[in-house]
Amino acid sequence: MSSSTTVAHQFDDAAQQKRASTLGMWVFLVTEVMMFGGLFTAYVVYRSLYPEAFAQASHHLNAELGAANTLVLLGSSLTMALAVRSAQLGKRAGTVIGLIATIVLGSVFLGVKAYEYSHKFHENLIPGPSFVFPGSEADHAQLFFSLYFAMTGLHALHMVIGVGILGTLTVMAARKRFSAEYHNPVEIGGLYWHFVDIVWIYLFPLLYLLGRH
């Protein structure tokens, strides 16, 4: 596949197109940092105001499942990096395998998260009229779970979108749309996936580990 067939009409050459698309993804990721940053800031502020309630509430999260999911996402970052490297070398099979492995690991993460959500539902820890929490810190504990579901739910939504993106890239790779000369979509997809993984690296200790002991 010649690079000329993959250059959009608004660009002078493939190098300019790659720089523009990479810059566009980085700009997008900056806006994502701002969005998640607001939630992280709210969490830190409220945790400093109600440390006891947040510590008690965090004990109702399954740290073992959270740790397992962290390992799953770290593994998915590895398989995504391998997919990108295979794409750079023009290895179609390696690209497809790496992308599929990343999709599988991402799906495992979402499955575990769905199980956790279901467990919280049965424990009546979903914020709202049916929320039940023992002790005198119920209101502040509900605030913790409101932030927990907002932050992990937004992260899970990004994971779902990421799985969809990787699925599209897998089909394109299988159809020989990428080569050693043109593979930027895989690299861009990798940037997005690594960002989502990094967000979880911060979510896990803040929500599951901080104050447990």
N, C-alpha and C. Protein backbone atom coordinates (compact mmCIF):
# COMPACT_ATOMS: atom_id res chain seq x y z
N MET A 1 0.85 -1.19 0.00
CA MET A 1 0.00 0.00 0.00
C MET A 1 0.88 1.23 0.00
N SER A 2 0.74 2.10 -0.96
CA SER A 2 1.53 3.31 -1.01
C SER A 2 0.97 4.35 -0.08
N SER A 3 1.87 5.19 0.47
CA SER A 3 1.43 6.18 1.43
C SER A 3 0.53 7.21 0.80
N SER A 4 0.65 7.41 -0.53
CA SER A 4 -0.17 8.42 -1.18
C SER A 4 -1.64 8.10 -1.12
N THR A 5 -1.97 6.81 -1.02
CA THR A 5 -3.38 6.42 -0.99
C THR A 5 -4.01 6.64 0.37
N THR A 6 -3.19 6.94 1.38
CA THR A 6 -3.72 7.11 2.73
C THR A 6 -3.68 8.55 3.21
N VAL A 7 -3.25 9.47 2.36
CA VAL A 7 -3.14 10.87 2.74
C VAL A 7 -4.42 11.59 2.35
N ALA A 8 -5.08 12.18 3.35
CA ALA A 8 -6.30 12.95 3.08
C ALA A 8 -5.95 14.19 2.27
N HIS A 9 -6.95 14.69 1.53
CA HIS A 9 -6.70 15.76 0.56
C HIS A 9 -6.23 17.06 1.21
N GLN A 10 -6.56 17.26 2.49
CA GLN A 10 -6.20 18.53 3.14
C GLN A 10 -4.76 18.58 3.61
N PHE A 11 -4.03 17.46 3.48
CA PHE A 11 -2.64 17.42 3.92
C PHE A 11 -1.70 17.36 2.73
N ASP A 12 -0.49 17.93 2.92
CA ASP A 12 0.50 17.93 1.84
C ASP A 12 1.15 16.56 1.66
N ASP A 13 1.37 15.87 2.78
CA ASP A 13 2.01 14.57 2.71
C ASP A 13 1.66 13.75 3.94
N ALA A 14 2.14 12.51 3.97
CA ALA A 14 1.82 11.62 5.07
C ALA A 14 2.41 12.10 6.40
N ALA A 15 3.59 12.70 6.34
CA ALA A 15 4.22 13.18 7.57
C ALA A 15 3.40 14.29 8.22
N GLN A 16 2.89 15.21 7.40
CA GLN A 16 2.06 16.28 7.94
C GLN A 16 0.76 15.73 8.52
N GLN A 17 0.18 14.75 7.83
CA GLN A 17 -1.05 14.14 8.33
C GLN A 17 -0.82 13.46 9.68
N LYS A 18 0.32 12.78 9.81
CA LYS A 18 0.63 12.09 11.06
C LYS A 18 0.82 13.08 12.19
N ARG A 19 1.53 14.16 11.94
CA ARG A 19 1.76 15.17 12.97
C ARG A 19 0.43 15.80 13.41
N ALA A 20 -0.44 16.08 12.44
CA ALA A 20 -1.72 16.71 12.76
C ALA A 20 -2.62 15.79 13.58
N SER A 21 -2.69 14.52 13.19
CA SER A 21 -3.56 13.58 13.91
C SER A 21 -3.02 13.30 15.31
N THR A 22 -1.70 13.21 15.44
CA THR A 22 -1.11 12.98 16.76
C THR A 22 -1.35 14.18 17.67
N LEU A 23 -1.15 15.38 17.11
CA LEU A 23 -1.41 16.59 17.89
C LEU A 23 -2.88 16.66 18.30
N GLY A 24 -3.77 16.31 17.38
CA GLY A 24 -5.20 16.32 17.70
C GLY A 24 -5.53 15.38 18.85
N MET A 25 -4.93 14.19 18.88
CA MET A 25 -5.18 13.26 19.97
C MET A 25 -4.65 13.80 21.29
N TRP A 26 -3.46 14.41 21.26
CA TRP A 26 -2.91 14.97 22.49
C TRP A 26 -3.77 16.10 23.03
N VAL A 27 -4.30 16.94 22.14
CA VAL A 27 -5.19 18.01 22.56
C VAL A 27 -6.45 17.41 23.20
N PHE A 28 -6.98 16.37 22.57
CA PHE A 28 -8.15 15.69 23.12
C PHE A 28 -7.84 15.12 24.51
N LEU A 29 -6.69 14.51 24.66
CA LEU A 29 -6.32 13.92 25.95
C LEU A 29 -6.16 15.00 27.03
N VAL A 30 -5.70 16.18 26.64
CA VAL A 30 -5.61 17.27 27.61
C VAL A 30 -6.99 17.64 28.13
N THR A 31 -7.99 17.67 27.24
CA THR A 31 -9.35 17.96 27.70
C THR A 31 -9.86 16.84 28.62
N GLU A 32 -9.46 15.60 28.35
CA GLU A 32 -9.84 14.49 29.21
C GLU A 32 -9.19 14.61 30.60
N VAL A 33 -7.94 15.04 30.62
CA VAL A 33 -7.25 15.27 31.89
C VAL A 33 -7.99 16.33 32.70
N MET A 34 -8.45 17.38 32.03
CA MET A 34 -9.19 18.43 32.73
C MET A 34 -10.50 17.89 33.31
N MET A 35 -11.18 17.04 32.55
CA MET A 35 -12.44 16.49 33.02
C MET A 35 -12.23 15.56 34.22
N PHE A 36 -11.32 14.61 34.08
CA PHE A 36 -11.04 13.72 35.21
C PHE A 36 -10.40 14.49 36.36
N GLY A 37 -9.62 15.51 36.04
CA GLY A 37 -8.99 16.30 37.08
C GLY A 37 -10.00 16.96 38.00
N GLY A 38 -11.13 17.42 37.43
CA GLY A 38 -12.18 18.00 38.26
C GLY A 38 -12.74 16.99 39.24
N LEU A 39 -12.95 15.75 38.78
CA LEU A 39 -13.47 14.71 39.67
C LEU A 39 -12.44 14.34 40.74
N PHE A 40 -11.18 14.23 40.33
CA PHE A 40 -10.14 13.93 41.31
C PHE A 40 -10.04 15.02 42.37
N THR A 41 -10.15 16.27 41.93
CA THR A 41 -10.08 17.38 42.88
C THR A 41 -11.24 17.34 43.87
N ALA A 42 -12.44 17.07 43.35
CA ALA A 42 -13.61 16.97 44.23
C ALA A 42 -13.42 15.84 45.23
N TYR A 43 -12.91 14.73 44.77
CA TYR A 43 -12.69 13.59 45.67
C TYR A 43 -11.70 13.94 46.78
N VAL A 44 -10.58 14.55 46.41
CA VAL A 44 -9.56 14.90 47.40
C VAL A 44 -10.10 15.90 48.41
N VAL A 45 -10.86 16.88 47.94
CA VAL A 45 -11.41 17.89 48.84
C VAL A 45 -12.38 17.26 49.84
N TYR A 46 -13.31 16.46 49.33
CA TYR A 46 -14.30 15.86 50.22
C TYR A 46 -13.68 14.81 51.13
N ARG A 47 -12.67 14.13 50.65
CA ARG A 47 -12.02 13.14 51.52
C ARG A 47 -11.30 13.84 52.67
N SER A 48 -10.72 15.01 52.39
CA SER A 48 -10.06 15.76 53.46
C SER A 48 -11.07 16.30 54.47
N LEU A 49 -12.31 16.55 54.01
CA LEU A 49 -13.35 17.05 54.91
C LEU A 49 -13.97 15.93 55.75
N TYR A 50 -14.11 14.74 55.14
CA TYR A 50 -14.78 13.63 55.82
C TYR A 50 -13.91 12.37 55.76
N PRO A 51 -12.73 12.41 56.34
CA PRO A 51 -11.80 11.27 56.21
C PRO A 51 -12.34 9.98 56.82
N GLU A 52 -13.02 10.07 57.95
CA GLU A 52 -13.52 8.87 58.61
C GLU A 52 -14.59 8.20 57.79
N ALA A 53 -15.53 8.99 57.27
CA ALA A 53 -16.61 8.42 56.45
C ALA A 53 -16.07 7.79 55.18
N PHE A 54 -15.12 8.45 54.53
CA PHE A 54 -14.56 7.92 53.30
C PHE A 54 -13.75 6.65 53.57
N ALA A 55 -13.05 6.61 54.71
CA ALA A 55 -12.30 5.41 55.05
C ALA A 55 -13.23 4.23 55.30
N GLN A 56 -14.32 4.49 56.03
CA GLN A 56 -15.30 3.44 56.28
C GLN A 56 -15.93 2.95 54.97
N ALA A 57 -16.27 3.88 54.11
CA ALA A 57 -16.91 3.51 52.85
C ALA A 57 -15.97 2.71 51.96
N SER A 58 -14.68 3.07 51.96
CA SER A 58 -13.74 2.35 51.10
C SER A 58 -13.58 0.90 51.51
N HIS A 59 -13.87 0.59 52.79
CA HIS A 59 -13.80 -0.80 53.24
C HIS A 59 -14.87 -1.68 52.58
N HIS A 60 -15.88 -1.05 51.99
CA HIS A 60 -16.92 -1.81 51.31
C HIS A 60 -16.56 -2.09 49.85
N LEU A 61 -15.40 -1.64 49.42
CA LEU A 61 -14.91 -1.97 48.09
C LEU A 61 -14.00 -3.19 48.18
N ASN A 62 -13.99 -3.99 47.15
CA ASN A 62 -13.19 -5.21 47.12
C ASN A 62 -11.81 -4.88 46.55
N ALA A 63 -10.83 -4.70 47.45
CA ALA A 63 -9.49 -4.31 47.01
C ALA A 63 -8.83 -5.41 46.18
N GLU A 64 -9.17 -6.67 46.45
CA GLU A 64 -8.58 -7.77 45.68
C GLU A 64 -9.03 -7.71 44.22
N LEU A 65 -10.33 -7.47 44.02
CA LEU A 65 -10.82 -7.34 42.65
C LEU A 65 -10.22 -6.11 41.98
N GLY A 66 -10.10 -5.03 42.73
CA GLY A 66 -9.49 -3.83 42.17
C GLY A 66 -8.05 -4.07 41.76
N ALA A 67 -7.30 -4.80 42.60
CA ALA A 67 -5.92 -5.12 42.27
C ALA A 67 -5.84 -6.02 41.04
N ALA A 68 -6.74 -7.01 40.98
CA ALA A 68 -6.77 -7.90 39.82
C ALA A 68 -7.05 -7.12 38.55
N ASN A 69 -7.99 -6.19 38.62
CA ASN A 69 -8.30 -5.38 37.45
C ASN A 69 -7.13 -4.48 37.07
N THR A 70 -6.37 -4.03 38.06
CA THR A 70 -5.19 -3.23 37.76
C THR A 70 -4.18 -4.05 36.97
N LEU A 71 -3.97 -5.30 37.37
CA LEU A 71 -3.06 -6.18 36.64
C LEU A 71 -3.57 -6.44 35.22
N VAL A 72 -4.89 -6.59 35.09
CA VAL A 72 -5.49 -6.80 33.77
C VAL A 72 -5.19 -5.62 32.86
N LEU A 73 -5.37 -4.41 33.38
CA LEU A 73 -5.13 -3.22 32.55
C LEU A 73 -3.65 -3.05 32.23
N LEU A 74 -2.77 -3.37 33.18
CA LEU A 74 -1.35 -3.31 32.89
C LEU A 74 -0.99 -4.29 31.77
N GLY A 75 -1.61 -5.46 31.81
CA GLY A 75 -1.40 -6.43 30.73
C GLY A 75 -1.91 -5.91 29.41
N SER A 76 -3.05 -5.21 29.43
CA SER A 76 -3.60 -4.66 28.20
C SER A 76 -2.71 -3.56 27.62
N SER A 77 -2.03 -2.81 28.49
CA SER A 77 -1.08 -1.80 28.00
C SER A 77 0.08 -2.47 27.27
N LEU A 78 0.51 -3.63 27.80
CA LEU A 78 1.59 -4.37 27.14
C LEU A 78 1.14 -4.88 25.78
N THR A 79 -0.03 -5.51 25.71
CA THR A 79 -0.49 -6.04 24.43
C THR A 79 -0.76 -4.91 23.43
N MET A 80 -1.21 -3.74 23.93
CA MET A 80 -1.42 -2.61 23.03
C MET A 80 -0.09 -2.12 22.48
N ALA A 81 0.93 -2.05 23.33
CA ALA A 81 2.25 -1.63 22.88
C ALA A 81 2.81 -2.61 21.85
N LEU A 82 2.57 -3.91 22.06
CA LEU A 82 3.02 -4.91 21.09
C LEU A 82 2.29 -4.76 19.76
N ALA A 83 1.01 -4.42 19.82
CA ALA A 83 0.24 -4.21 18.59
C ALA A 83 0.78 -3.01 17.82
N VAL A 84 1.09 -1.95 18.54
CA VAL A 84 1.64 -0.75 17.88
C VAL A 84 2.99 -1.08 17.25
N ARG A 85 3.82 -1.80 17.99
CA ARG A 85 5.14 -2.15 17.44
C ARG A 85 5.01 -3.02 16.20
N SER A 86 4.10 -3.97 16.23
CA SER A 86 3.88 -4.83 15.06
C SER A 86 3.40 -4.00 13.87
N ALA A 87 2.52 -3.03 14.13
CA ALA A 87 2.05 -2.16 13.06
C ALA A 87 3.19 -1.35 12.47
N GLN A 88 4.09 -0.85 13.33
CA GLN A 88 5.23 -0.08 12.86
C GLN A 88 6.14 -0.91 11.97
N LEU A 89 6.22 -2.20 12.25
CA LEU A 89 7.06 -3.11 11.47
C LEU A 89 6.33 -3.70 10.27
N GLY A 90 5.05 -3.37 10.14
CA GLY A 90 4.27 -3.90 9.02
C GLY A 90 3.87 -5.34 9.19
N LYS A 91 3.81 -5.83 10.43
CA LYS A 91 3.45 -7.22 10.70
C LYS A 91 1.95 -7.30 10.99
N ARG A 92 1.19 -7.68 9.99
CA ARG A 92 -0.27 -7.67 10.12
C ARG A 92 -0.76 -8.64 11.18
N ALA A 93 -0.24 -9.86 11.20
CA ALA A 93 -0.70 -10.86 12.16
C ALA A 93 -0.43 -10.40 13.59
N GLY A 94 0.76 -9.87 13.84
CA GLY A 94 1.09 -9.40 15.17
C GLY A 94 0.20 -8.25 15.61
N THR A 95 -0.13 -7.37 14.66
CA THR A 95 -1.01 -6.25 14.96
C THR A 95 -2.40 -6.74 15.36
N VAL A 96 -2.93 -7.66 14.57
CA VAL A 96 -4.27 -8.20 14.83
C VAL A 96 -4.30 -8.93 16.18
N ILE A 97 -3.30 -9.77 16.41
CA ILE A 97 -3.26 -10.53 17.67
C ILE A 97 -3.16 -9.59 18.87
N GLY A 98 -2.29 -8.59 18.76
CA GLY A 98 -2.13 -7.64 19.86
C GLY A 98 -3.40 -6.87 20.15
N LEU A 99 -4.09 -6.46 19.10
CA LEU A 99 -5.34 -5.72 19.28
C LEU A 99 -6.42 -6.60 19.89
N ILE A 100 -6.53 -7.83 19.40
CA ILE A 100 -7.54 -8.74 19.95
C ILE A 100 -7.26 -9.04 21.41
N ALA A 101 -5.99 -9.26 21.75
CA ALA A 101 -5.63 -9.53 23.14
C ALA A 101 -5.99 -8.34 24.03
N THR A 102 -5.77 -7.13 23.52
CA THR A 102 -6.11 -5.93 24.29
C THR A 102 -7.62 -5.83 24.48
N ILE A 103 -8.37 -6.15 23.44
CA ILE A 103 -9.84 -6.13 23.54
C ILE A 103 -10.31 -7.14 24.58
N VAL A 104 -9.73 -8.33 24.57
CA VAL A 104 -10.12 -9.37 25.53
C VAL A 104 -9.84 -8.91 26.95
N LEU A 105 -8.66 -8.35 27.18
CA LEU A 105 -8.31 -7.89 28.53
C LEU A 105 -9.20 -6.72 28.96
N GLY A 106 -9.49 -5.82 28.03
CA GLY A 106 -10.39 -4.73 28.34
C GLY A 106 -11.78 -5.23 28.68
N SER A 107 -12.23 -6.25 27.99
CA SER A 107 -13.55 -6.83 28.27
C SER A 107 -13.57 -7.52 29.63
N VAL A 108 -12.45 -8.17 29.98
CA VAL A 108 -12.36 -8.78 31.31
C VAL A 108 -12.47 -7.70 32.39
N PHE A 109 -11.78 -6.59 32.19
CA PHE A 109 -11.87 -5.49 33.14
C PHE A 109 -13.31 -5.03 33.31
N LEU A 110 -14.01 -4.83 32.20
CA LEU A 110 -15.39 -4.37 32.27
C LEU A 110 -16.29 -5.41 32.93
N GLY A 111 -16.02 -6.68 32.70
CA GLY A 111 -16.81 -7.73 33.34
C GLY A 111 -16.64 -7.72 34.85
N VAL A 112 -15.40 -7.55 35.30
CA VAL A 112 -15.15 -7.48 36.74
C VAL A 112 -15.82 -6.25 37.34
N LYS A 113 -15.75 -5.14 36.62
CA LYS A 113 -16.37 -3.91 37.11
C LYS A 113 -17.89 -4.07 37.18
N ALA A 114 -18.49 -4.74 36.22
CA ALA A 114 -19.93 -4.99 36.25
C ALA A 114 -20.30 -5.86 37.45
N TYR A 115 -19.45 -6.84 37.76
CA TYR A 115 -19.68 -7.68 38.93
C TYR A 115 -19.63 -6.83 40.20
N GLU A 116 -18.66 -5.94 40.28
CA GLU A 116 -18.55 -5.06 41.45
C GLU A 116 -19.80 -4.18 41.59
N TYR A 117 -20.25 -3.62 40.49
CA TYR A 117 -21.44 -2.78 40.52
C TYR A 117 -22.65 -3.58 41.00
N SER A 118 -22.78 -4.81 40.50
CA SER A 118 -23.89 -5.66 40.91
C SER A 118 -23.84 -5.93 42.40
N HIS A 119 -22.65 -6.16 42.92
CA HIS A 119 -22.49 -6.42 44.34
C HIS A 119 -22.91 -5.20 45.17
N LYS A 120 -22.54 -4.02 44.70
CA LYS A 120 -22.93 -2.80 45.42
C LYS A 120 -24.45 -2.61 45.37
N PHE A 121 -25.05 -3.01 44.28
CA PHE A 121 -26.51 -2.91 44.17
C PHE A 121 -27.19 -3.79 45.21
N HIS A 122 -26.70 -5.01 45.35
CA HIS A 122 -27.29 -5.93 46.32
C HIS A 122 -27.01 -5.51 47.76
N GLU A 123 -25.97 -4.75 47.98
CA GLU A 123 -25.66 -4.25 49.32
C GLU A 123 -26.36 -2.93 49.61
N ASN A 124 -27.16 -2.45 48.66
CA ASN A 124 -27.87 -1.16 48.80
C ASN A 124 -26.90 -0.01 48.99
N LEU A 125 -25.80 -0.03 48.25
CA LEU A 125 -24.81 1.03 48.32
C LEU A 125 -24.84 1.93 47.08
N ILE A 126 -25.94 1.85 46.33
CA ILE A 126 -26.12 2.75 45.19
C ILE A 126 -26.71 4.05 45.73
N PRO A 127 -26.06 5.20 45.51
CA PRO A 127 -26.59 6.46 46.03
C PRO A 127 -28.02 6.71 45.55
N GLY A 128 -28.87 7.14 46.49
CA GLY A 128 -30.27 7.38 46.17
C GLY A 128 -31.16 7.05 47.34
N PRO A 129 -32.46 6.98 47.10
CA PRO A 129 -33.41 6.73 48.21
C PRO A 129 -33.20 5.40 48.92
N SER A 130 -32.66 4.39 48.21
CA SER A 130 -32.50 3.07 48.81
C SER A 130 -31.13 2.86 49.43
N PHE A 131 -30.32 3.90 49.47
CA PHE A 131 -28.96 3.78 50.00
C PHE A 131 -28.99 3.44 51.49
N VAL A 132 -28.22 2.43 51.88
CA VAL A 132 -28.16 2.00 53.28
C VAL A 132 -26.69 1.87 53.67
N PHE A 133 -26.34 2.54 54.78
CA PHE A 133 -24.97 2.45 55.28
C PHE A 133 -25.02 2.49 56.80
N PRO A 134 -24.36 1.54 57.47
CA PRO A 134 -24.43 1.51 58.94
C PRO A 134 -23.67 2.66 59.58
N GLY A 135 -24.13 3.08 60.74
CA GLY A 135 -23.44 4.11 61.49
C GLY A 135 -23.96 5.50 61.21
N SER A 136 -23.27 6.46 61.78
CA SER A 136 -23.71 7.86 61.70
C SER A 136 -23.14 8.60 60.52
N GLU A 137 -22.30 7.94 59.71
CA GLU A 137 -21.65 8.61 58.58
C GLU A 137 -22.33 8.30 57.25
N ALA A 138 -23.60 7.93 57.29
CA ALA A 138 -24.28 7.48 56.07
C ALA A 138 -24.29 8.55 54.98
N ASP A 139 -24.59 9.79 55.35
CA ASP A 139 -24.67 10.85 54.35
C ASP A 139 -23.32 11.07 53.66
N HIS A 140 -22.26 11.11 54.45
CA HIS A 140 -20.93 11.33 53.88
C HIS A 140 -20.45 10.09 53.13
N ALA A 141 -20.84 8.92 53.58
CA ALA A 141 -20.50 7.70 52.85
C ALA A 141 -21.21 7.67 51.50
N GLN A 142 -22.42 8.19 51.47
CA GLN A 142 -23.15 8.26 50.19
C GLN A 142 -22.42 9.20 49.22
N LEU A 143 -21.82 10.24 49.75
CA LEU A 143 -21.02 11.14 48.91
C LEU A 143 -19.83 10.39 48.33
N PHE A 144 -19.19 9.54 49.16
CA PHE A 144 -18.08 8.72 48.65
C PHE A 144 -18.54 7.85 47.49
N PHE A 145 -19.67 7.16 47.67
CA PHE A 145 -20.12 6.26 46.61
C PHE A 145 -20.62 7.02 45.39
N SER A 146 -21.10 8.24 45.59
CA SER A 146 -21.47 9.07 44.43
C SER A 146 -20.24 9.36 43.59
N LEU A 147 -19.15 9.72 44.24
CA LEU A 147 -17.91 9.98 43.53
C LEU A 147 -17.33 8.69 42.94
N TYR A 148 -17.46 7.60 43.70
CA TYR A 148 -16.96 6.31 43.22
C TYR A 148 -17.63 5.92 41.90
N PHE A 149 -18.95 5.99 41.88
CA PHE A 149 -19.66 5.60 40.66
C PHE A 149 -19.45 6.60 39.53
N ALA A 150 -19.34 7.87 39.87
CA ALA A 150 -19.09 8.87 38.83
C ALA A 150 -17.72 8.65 38.18
N MET A 151 -16.71 8.43 38.99
CA MET A 151 -15.35 8.31 38.49
C MET A 151 -15.12 6.98 37.78
N THR A 152 -15.53 5.88 38.42
CA THR A 152 -15.33 4.58 37.79
C THR A 152 -16.29 4.37 36.62
N GLY A 153 -17.49 4.96 36.71
CA GLY A 153 -18.43 4.85 35.60
C GLY A 153 -17.94 5.59 34.38
N LEU A 154 -17.40 6.80 34.57
CA LEU A 154 -16.84 7.55 33.45
C LEU A 154 -15.64 6.82 32.86
N HIS A 155 -14.83 6.23 33.74
CA HIS A 155 -13.69 5.45 33.26
C HIS A 155 -14.17 4.24 32.46
N ALA A 156 -15.19 3.54 32.96
CA ALA A 156 -15.71 2.37 32.26
C ALA A 156 -16.27 2.77 30.89
N LEU A 157 -16.93 3.93 30.81
CA LEU A 157 -17.43 4.41 29.52
C LEU A 157 -16.28 4.61 28.54
N HIS A 158 -15.18 5.16 29.02
CA HIS A 158 -14.01 5.32 28.16
C HIS A 158 -13.46 3.96 27.72
N MET A 159 -13.54 2.98 28.62
CA MET A 159 -13.10 1.64 28.26
C MET A 159 -13.97 1.06 27.15
N VAL A 160 -15.28 1.22 27.27
CA VAL A 160 -16.20 0.71 26.25
C VAL A 160 -15.89 1.36 24.90
N ILE A 161 -15.69 2.68 24.91
CA ILE A 161 -15.34 3.39 23.67
C ILE A 161 -14.02 2.87 23.13
N GLY A 162 -13.05 2.64 24.03
CA GLY A 162 -11.76 2.13 23.61
C GLY A 162 -11.85 0.76 22.97
N VAL A 163 -12.66 -0.11 23.54
CA VAL A 163 -12.86 -1.44 22.95
C VAL A 163 -13.46 -1.31 21.56
N GLY A 164 -14.40 -0.39 21.39
CA GLY A 164 -14.98 -0.15 20.07
C GLY A 164 -13.94 0.34 19.08
N ILE A 165 -13.08 1.26 19.52
CA ILE A 165 -12.02 1.77 18.65
C ILE A 165 -11.07 0.65 18.24
N LEU A 166 -10.67 -0.16 19.21
CA LEU A 166 -9.74 -1.25 18.91
C LEU A 166 -10.38 -2.29 18.01
N GLY A 167 -11.69 -2.51 18.18
CA GLY A 167 -12.38 -3.43 17.28
C GLY A 167 -12.33 -2.94 15.85
N THR A 168 -12.53 -1.65 15.66
CA THR A 168 -12.46 -1.07 14.31
C THR A 168 -11.06 -1.20 13.74
N LEU A 169 -10.05 -0.92 14.58
CA LEU A 169 -8.66 -1.05 14.13
C LEU A 169 -8.32 -2.49 13.78
N THR A 170 -8.89 -3.44 14.53
CA THR A 170 -8.63 -4.86 14.24
C THR A 170 -9.15 -5.23 12.86
N VAL A 171 -10.36 -4.79 12.55
CA VAL A 171 -10.93 -5.07 11.23
C VAL A 171 -10.08 -4.43 10.14
N MET A 172 -9.66 -3.18 10.37
CA MET A 172 -8.82 -2.50 9.37
C MET A 172 -7.49 -3.22 9.18
N ALA A 173 -6.90 -3.67 10.30
CA ALA A 173 -5.62 -4.38 10.19
C ALA A 173 -5.79 -5.70 9.46
N ALA A 174 -6.88 -6.41 9.75
CA ALA A 174 -7.14 -7.69 9.08
C ALA A 174 -7.33 -7.50 7.58
N ARG A 175 -7.85 -6.34 7.20
CA ARG A 175 -8.07 -6.03 5.78
C ARG A 175 -6.86 -5.38 5.12
N LYS A 176 -5.72 -5.42 5.80
CA LYS A 176 -4.45 -4.92 5.27
C LYS A 176 -4.49 -3.42 4.99
N ARG A 177 -5.17 -2.69 5.87
CA ARG A 177 -5.25 -1.24 5.70
C ARG A 177 -4.00 -0.53 6.24
N PHE A 178 -3.19 -1.25 7.02
CA PHE A 178 -2.00 -0.65 7.61
C PHE A 178 -0.74 -1.29 7.04
N SER A 179 0.34 -0.54 7.10
CA SER A 179 1.64 -1.03 6.65
C SER A 179 2.72 -0.34 7.46
N ALA A 180 3.98 -0.68 7.18
CA ALA A 180 5.07 -0.02 7.88
C ALA A 180 5.11 1.47 7.57
N GLU A 181 4.58 1.86 6.41
CA GLU A 181 4.54 3.27 6.03
C GLU A 181 3.33 4.00 6.60
N TYR A 182 2.23 3.28 6.80
CA TYR A 182 1.01 3.91 7.30
C TYR A 182 0.41 3.05 8.41
N HIS A 183 0.54 3.53 9.63
CA HIS A 183 0.00 2.81 10.79
C HIS A 183 -0.41 3.78 11.89
N ASN A 184 -0.50 5.06 11.56
CA ASN A 184 -0.78 6.06 12.58
C ASN A 184 -2.07 5.82 13.36
N PRO A 185 -3.16 5.34 12.72
CA PRO A 185 -4.37 5.07 13.52
C PRO A 185 -4.13 4.11 14.68
N VAL A 186 -3.26 3.13 14.49
CA VAL A 186 -2.97 2.20 15.58
C VAL A 186 -2.22 2.93 16.70
N GLU A 187 -1.29 3.78 16.33
CA GLU A 187 -0.56 4.55 17.34
C GLU A 187 -1.49 5.48 18.10
N ILE A 188 -2.40 6.13 17.38
CA ILE A 188 -3.35 7.04 18.02
C ILE A 188 -4.27 6.26 18.96
N GLY A 189 -4.74 5.11 18.52
CA GLY A 189 -5.55 4.25 19.38
C GLY A 189 -4.79 3.82 20.61
N GLY A 190 -3.49 3.57 20.45
CA GLY A 190 -2.66 3.20 21.58
C GLY A 190 -2.53 4.32 22.60
N LEU A 191 -2.41 5.56 22.12
CA LEU A 191 -2.35 6.70 23.03
C LEU A 191 -3.61 6.78 23.88
N TYR A 192 -4.75 6.62 23.23
CA TYR A 192 -6.02 6.68 23.97
C TYR A 192 -6.09 5.57 25.01
N TRP A 193 -5.72 4.37 24.61
CA TRP A 193 -5.82 3.23 25.53
C TRP A 193 -4.89 3.40 26.72
N HIS A 194 -3.67 3.86 26.48
CA HIS A 194 -2.74 4.05 27.58
C HIS A 194 -3.23 5.13 28.53
N PHE A 195 -3.87 6.16 27.99
CA PHE A 195 -4.42 7.21 28.86
C PHE A 195 -5.49 6.63 29.79
N VAL A 196 -6.38 5.81 29.25
CA VAL A 196 -7.43 5.21 30.06
C VAL A 196 -6.82 4.32 31.14
N ASP A 197 -5.77 3.59 30.79
CA ASP A 197 -5.09 2.75 31.77
C ASP A 197 -4.47 3.60 32.88
N ILE A 198 -3.86 4.71 32.52
CA ILE A 198 -3.21 5.57 33.51
C ILE A 198 -4.25 6.14 34.49
N VAL A 199 -5.42 6.50 33.98
CA VAL A 199 -6.46 7.02 34.86
C VAL A 199 -6.80 6.00 35.94
N TRP A 200 -6.90 4.73 35.55
CA TRP A 200 -7.22 3.69 36.54
C TRP A 200 -6.10 3.53 37.57
N ILE A 201 -4.85 3.72 37.15
CA ILE A 201 -3.72 3.60 38.07
C ILE A 201 -3.87 4.60 39.21
N TYR A 202 -4.49 5.74 38.95
CA TYR A 202 -4.76 6.72 40.01
C TYR A 202 -6.05 6.41 40.75
N LEU A 203 -7.05 5.92 40.04
CA LEU A 203 -8.33 5.62 40.68
C LEU A 203 -8.20 4.50 41.71
N PHE A 204 -7.46 3.48 41.38
CA PHE A 204 -7.38 2.31 42.26
C PHE A 204 -6.88 2.65 43.66
N PRO A 205 -5.73 3.30 43.83
CA PRO A 205 -5.30 3.58 45.20
C PRO A 205 -6.17 4.61 45.91
N LEU A 206 -6.67 5.60 45.18
CA LEU A 206 -7.50 6.62 45.81
C LEU A 206 -8.80 6.04 46.37
N LEU A 207 -9.43 5.19 45.60
CA LEU A 207 -10.74 4.66 45.99
C LEU A 207 -10.64 3.41 46.85
N TYR A 208 -9.72 2.52 46.53
CA TYR A 208 -9.68 1.21 47.17
C TYR A 208 -8.71 1.11 48.34
N LEU A 209 -7.62 1.87 48.31
CA LEU A 209 -6.55 1.63 49.28
C LEU A 209 -6.37 2.74 50.30
N LEU A 210 -6.56 3.97 49.90
CA LEU A 210 -6.29 5.10 50.79
C LEU A 210 -7.16 5.06 52.04
N GLY A 211 -6.53 5.00 53.20
CA GLY A 211 -7.25 5.05 54.45
C GLY A 211 -7.82 3.72 54.92
N ARG A 212 -7.55 2.64 54.20
CA ARG A 212 -8.12 1.34 54.59
C ARG A 212 -7.55 0.85 55.91
N HIS A 213 -6.33 1.25 56.22
CA HIS A 213 -5.70 0.76 57.45
C HIS A 213 -5.58 1.86 58.49
